[in-house]
C-alpha atoms as a PDB file:
ATOM      1  CA  MET A   1       0.000   0.000   0.000  1.00  0.00           C
ATOM      2  CA  ALA A   2       2.838   2.333   0.805  1.00  0.00           C
ATOM      3  CA  ASN A   3       4.231   1.818  -2.684  1.00  0.00           C
ATOM      4  CA  MET A   4       0.923   2.720  -4.300  1.00  0.00           C
ATOM      5  CA  ILE A   5       0.760   6.281  -2.962  1.00  0.00           C
ATOM      6  CA  PRO A   6       3.918   7.497  -4.750  1.00  0.00           C
ATOM      7  CA  MET A   7       2.759   5.600  -7.834  1.00  0.00           C
ATOM      8  CA  LEU A   8      -0.566   7.461  -7.813  1.00  0.00           C
ATOM      9  CA  GLY A   9       1.319  10.764  -7.543  1.00  0.00           C
ATOM     10  CA  ILE A  10       3.400   9.916 -10.610  1.00  0.00           C
ATOM     11  CA  MET A  11       0.303   8.877 -12.519  1.00  0.00           C
ATOM     12  CA  SER A  12      -1.544  12.089 -11.661  1.00  0.00           C
ATOM     13  CA  GLU A  13       1.434  14.155 -12.837  1.00  0.00           C
ATOM     14  CA  ALA A  14       1.577  12.176 -16.083  1.00  0.00           C
ATOM     15  CA  LEU A  15      -2.118  12.665 -16.699  1.00  0.00           C
ATOM     16  CA  SER A  16      -2.006  16.390 -15.980  1.00  0.00           C
ATOM     17  CA  ALA A  17       0.995  16.994 -18.250  1.00  0.00           C
ATOM     18  CA  PRO A  18      -0.827  16.232 -21.534  1.00  0.00           C
ATOM     19  CA  ALA A  19      -3.672  18.520 -20.504  1.00  0.00           C
ATOM     20  CA  MET A  20      -1.227  21.364 -20.123  1.00  0.00           C
ATOM     21  CA  SER A  21       0.437  20.558 -23.417  1.00  0.00           C
ATOM     22  CA  SER A  22      -2.932  20.417 -25.200  1.00  0.00           C
ATOM     23  CA  THR A  23      -3.837  23.911 -23.955  1.00  0.00           C
ATOM     24  CA  LEU A  24      -0.451  25.124 -25.156  1.00  0.00           C
ATOM     25  CA  ALA A  25      -1.013  23.389 -28.479  1.00  0.00           C
ATOM     26  CA  SER A  26      -4.435  24.992 -28.900  1.00  0.00           C
ATOM     27  CA  ASN A  27      -2.906  28.414 -28.232  1.00  0.00           C
ATOM     28  CA  THR A  28      -0.253  27.852 -30.861  1.00  0.00           C
ATOM     29  CA  LEU A  29      -2.857  26.665 -33.405  1.00  0.00           C
ATOM     30  CA  VAL A  30      -4.527  30.076 -33.468  1.00  0.00           C
ATOM     31  CA  ARG A  31      -1.914  31.593 -35.758  1.00  0.00           C
ATOM     32  CA  PRO A  32      -1.874  28.736 -38.300  1.00  0.00           C
ATOM     33  CA  ALA A  33      -5.671  28.994 -38.479  1.00  0.00           C
ATOM     34  CA  GLU A  34      -5.305  32.569 -39.722  1.00  0.00           C
ATOM     35  CA  THR A  35      -2.861  31.469 -42.400  1.00  0.00           C
ATOM     36  CA  SER A  36      -5.089  28.525 -43.289  1.00  0.00           C
ATOM     37  CA  ASN A  37      -7.830  31.030 -44.173  1.00  0.00           C
ATOM     38  CA  VAL A  38      -5.478  32.508 -46.751  1.00  0.00           C
ATOM     39  CA  ALA A  39      -4.588  29.032 -47.973  1.00  0.00           C
ATOM     40  CA  THR A  40      -8.271  28.123 -48.192  1.00  0.00           C
ATOM     41  CA  LEU A  41      -9.012  31.291 -50.175  1.00  0.00           C
ATOM     42  CA  ALA A  42      -6.105  30.591 -52.536  1.00  0.00           C
ATOM     43  CA  ASN A  43      -7.296  27.015 -52.965  1.00  0.00           C
ATOM     44  CA  MET A  44     -10.831  28.204 -53.741  1.00  0.00           C
ATOM     45  CA  VAL A  45      -9.644  30.786 -56.290  1.00  0.00           C
ATOM     46  CA  GLY A  46      -7.397  28.190 -57.920  1.00  0.00           C
ATOM     47  CA  GLY A  47     -10.304  25.785 -58.207  1.00  0.00           C
ATOM     48  CA  LEU A  48     -12.480  28.508 -59.721  1.00  0.00           C
ATOM     49  CA  ILE A  49      -9.825  29.256 -62.331  1.00  0.00           C
ATOM     50  CA  VAL A  50      -9.583  25.564 -63.233  1.00  0.00           C
ATOM     51  CA  VAL A  51     -13.382  25.261 -63.604  1.00  0.00           C
ATOM     52  CA  LEU A  52     -13.598  28.393 -65.778  1.00  0.00           C
ATOM     53  CA  ALA A  53     -10.727  27.174 -67.960  1.00  0.00           C
ATOM     54  CA  LEU A  54     -12.495  23.834 -68.360  1.00  0.00           C
ATOM     55  CA  ILE A  55     -15.727  25.579 -69.406  1.00  0.00           C
ATOM     56  CA  PHE A  56     -13.918  27.656 -72.047  1.00  0.00           C
ATOM     57  CA  LEU A  57     -12.038  24.593 -73.308  1.00  0.00           C
ATOM     58  CA  LEU A  58     -15.241  22.581 -73.709  1.00  0.00           C
ATOM     59  CA  ALA A  59     -16.972  25.514 -75.451  1.00  0.00           C
ATOM     60  CA  TYR A  60     -14.053  25.735 -77.883  1.00  0.00           C
ATOM     61  CA  ILE A  61     -14.211  21.994 -78.593  1.00  0.00           C
ATOM     62  CA  VAL A  62     -17.976  22.107 -79.213  1.00  0.00           C
ATOM     63  CA  LYS A  63     -17.549  25.081 -81.531  1.00  0.00           C
ATOM     64  CA  ARG A  64     -14.607  23.543 -83.353  1.00  0.00           C
ATOM     65  CA  LEU A  65     -16.287  20.179 -83.940  1.00  0.00           C
ATOM     66  CA  LYS A  66     -19.617  21.891 -84.743  1.00  0.00           C
ATOM     67  CA  LEU A  67     -21.522  19.579 -82.429  1.00  0.00           C
ATOM     68  CA  VAL A  68     -24.383  22.047 -82.015  1.00  0.00           C
ATOM     69  CA  PRO A  69     -26.593  22.080 -85.109  1.00  0.00           C
ATOM     70  CA  SER A  70     -28.179  25.339 -86.186  1.00  0.00           C
ATOM     71  CA  ASN A  71     -31.778  24.743 -87.308  1.00  0.00           C
ATOM     72  CA  GLY A  72     -32.937  28.330 -87.660  1.00  0.00           C
ATOM     73  CA  GLY A  73     -32.373  30.741 -90.484  1.00  0.00           C
ATOM     74  CA  ILE A  74     -32.873  30.834 -94.233  1.00  0.00           C
ATOM     75  CA  ILE A  75     -29.341  29.756 -95.132  1.00  0.00           C
ATOM     76  CA  LYS A  76     -28.419  26.246 -94.005  1.00  0.00           C
ATOM     77  CA  THR A  77     -24.979  24.716 -94.260  1.00  0.00           C
ATOM     78  CA  ILE A  78     -25.545  21.106 -95.280  1.00  0.00           C
ATOM     79  CA  ALA A  79     -21.971  19.840 -95.641  1.00  0.00           C
ATOM     80  CA  VAL A  80     -18.421  21.173 -95.358  1.00  0.00           C
ATOM     81  CA  THR A  81     -15.339  19.446 -96.719  1.00  0.00           C
ATOM     82  CA  PRO A  82     -11.910  20.951 -96.131  1.00  0.00           C
ATOM     83  CA  ILE A  83      -9.592  20.610 -99.125  1.00  0.00           C
ATOM     84  CA  GLY A  84      -6.658  22.593 -97.798  1.00  0.00           C
ATOM     85  CA  GLN A  85      -5.492  24.474 -94.784  1.00  0.00           C
ATOM     86  CA  ARG A  86      -7.755  27.460 -95.487  1.00  0.00           C
ATOM     87  CA  GLU A  87      -9.827  26.160 -98.385  1.00  0.00           C
ATOM     88  CA  LYS A  88     -13.051  24.193 -98.237  1.00  0.00           C
ATOM     89  CA  VAL A  89     -16.032  23.169-100.318  1.00  0.00           C
ATOM     90  CA  VAL A  90     -19.383  24.034 -98.769  1.00  0.00           C
ATOM     91  CA  LEU A  91     -22.837  22.763 -99.703  1.00  0.00           C
ATOM     92  CA  VAL A  92     -25.421  25.425 -98.794  1.00  0.00           C
ATOM     93  CA  GLU A  93     -29.208  25.397 -99.075  1.00  0.00           C
ATOM     94  CA  VAL A  94     -31.197  28.610 -99.564  1.00  0.00           C
ATOM     95  CA  ASN A  95     -35.011  28.356 -99.872  1.00  0.00           C
ATOM     96  CA  GLY A  96     -34.834  24.741-101.026  1.00  0.00           C
ATOM     97  CA  GLN A  97     -32.145  25.392-103.661  1.00  0.00           C
ATOM     98  CA  GLN A  98     -28.669  23.940-103.068  1.00  0.00           C
ATOM     99  CA  TYR A  99     -25.420  25.669-104.021  1.00  0.00           C
ATOM    100  CA  LEU A 100     -21.899  24.263-104.050  1.00  0.00           C
ATOM    101  CA  LEU A 101     -19.430  26.936-102.944  1.00  0.00           C
ATOM    102  CA  GLY A 102     -15.650  27.126-102.898  1.00  0.00           C
ATOM    103  CA  VAL A 103     -14.485  29.058 -99.845  1.00  0.00           C
ATOM    104  CA  THR A 104     -10.977  30.419 -99.287  1.00  0.00           C
ATOM    105  CA  SER A 105      -9.624  32.975 -96.875  1.00  0.00           C
ATOM    106  CA  GLN A 106      -9.867  35.639 -99.605  1.00  0.00           C
ATOM    107  CA  GLN A 107     -13.080  34.880-101.478  1.00  0.00           C
ATOM    108  CA  ILE A 108     -16.151  32.701-102.001  1.00  0.00           C
ATOM    109  CA  ASN A 109     -16.891  31.252-105.469  1.00  0.00           C
ATOM    110  CA  LEU A 110     -20.028  29.596-106.759  1.00  0.00           C
ATOM    111  CA  ILE A 111     -18.971  26.242-108.165  1.00  0.00           C
ATOM    112  CA  ASP A 112     -22.399  24.941-109.143  1.00  0.00           C
ATOM    113  CA  LYS A 113     -26.101  25.538-108.624  1.00  0.00           C
ATOM    114  CA  LEU A 114     -27.372  21.995-108.121  1.00  0.00           C
ATOM    115  CA  SER A 115     -30.443  21.092-110.165  1.00  0.00           C
ATOM    116  CA  THR A 116     -31.183  17.996-108.074  1.00  0.00           C
ATOM    117  CA  PRO A 117     -30.716  18.377-104.328  1.00  0.00           C
ATOM    118  CA  VAL A 118     -28.155  16.206-102.626  1.00  0.00           C
ATOM    119  CA  ASP A 119     -29.643  14.146 -99.824  1.00  0.00           C
ATOM    120  CA  VAL A 120     -27.231  14.244 -96.882  1.00  0.00           C
ATOM    121  CA  PRO A 121     -28.161  11.945 -93.982  1.00  0.00           C
ATOM    122  CA  LEU A 122     -28.484  13.783 -90.696  1.00  0.00           C
ATOM    123  CA  SER A 123     -25.990  12.652 -88.125  1.00  0.00           C
ATOM    124  CA  SER A 124     -26.673  12.481 -84.431  1.00  0.00           C
ATOM    125  CA  PHE A 125     -24.437  13.724 -81.646  1.00  0.00           C
ATOM    126  CA  ALA A 126     -23.333  10.168 -80.882  1.00  0.00           C
ATOM    127  CA  SER A 127     -22.227   9.496 -84.450  1.00  0.00           C
ATOM    128  CA  ARG A 128     -20.366  12.816 -84.638  1.00  0.00           C
ATOM    129  CA  LEU A 129     -18.619  12.103 -81.355  1.00  0.00           C
ATOM    130  CA  LYS A 130     -17.622   8.655 -82.596  1.00  0.00           C
ATOM    131  CA  GLN A 131     -16.327  10.199 -85.828  1.00  0.00           C
ATOM    132  CA  ALA A 132     -14.303  12.790 -83.901  1.00  0.00           C
ATOM    133  CA  LYS A 133     -12.758  10.066 -81.734  1.00  0.00           C
ATOM    134  CA  GLU A 134     -11.813   8.040 -84.813  1.00  0.00           C
ATOM    135  CA  GLN A 135     -10.079  11.056 -86.393  1.00  0.00           C
ATOM    136  CA  GLN A 136      -7.827  11.435 -83.356  1.00  0.00           C
END
């Protein structure tokens, strides 16, 4: 029994020591919390920049691959075939009449006014996406 009393004293000191160190640790964590607000703000702004860049990249891809069909308007582009870096042949329909145009960076020439309309099958988004994947 006599040995237990000093042992209890040592145990109480050991148990009280971490409590003191935890209060000291919580006092020292106040300053890093202020800097973590800056880090959190920087992280949030960085994430916002990444999301905006992703939106602009996807908009560019959709525009470049012409995945969004335009149904309105009098002039409809039916088909486009590039034949050079800046040259292409375009099939256009105006009021039911189809025209074959040669388009360059400098001018547009009428190649032919088609007497019989060319029937071009409409492609869906899935088929265009598959075609774009195959080209890459």
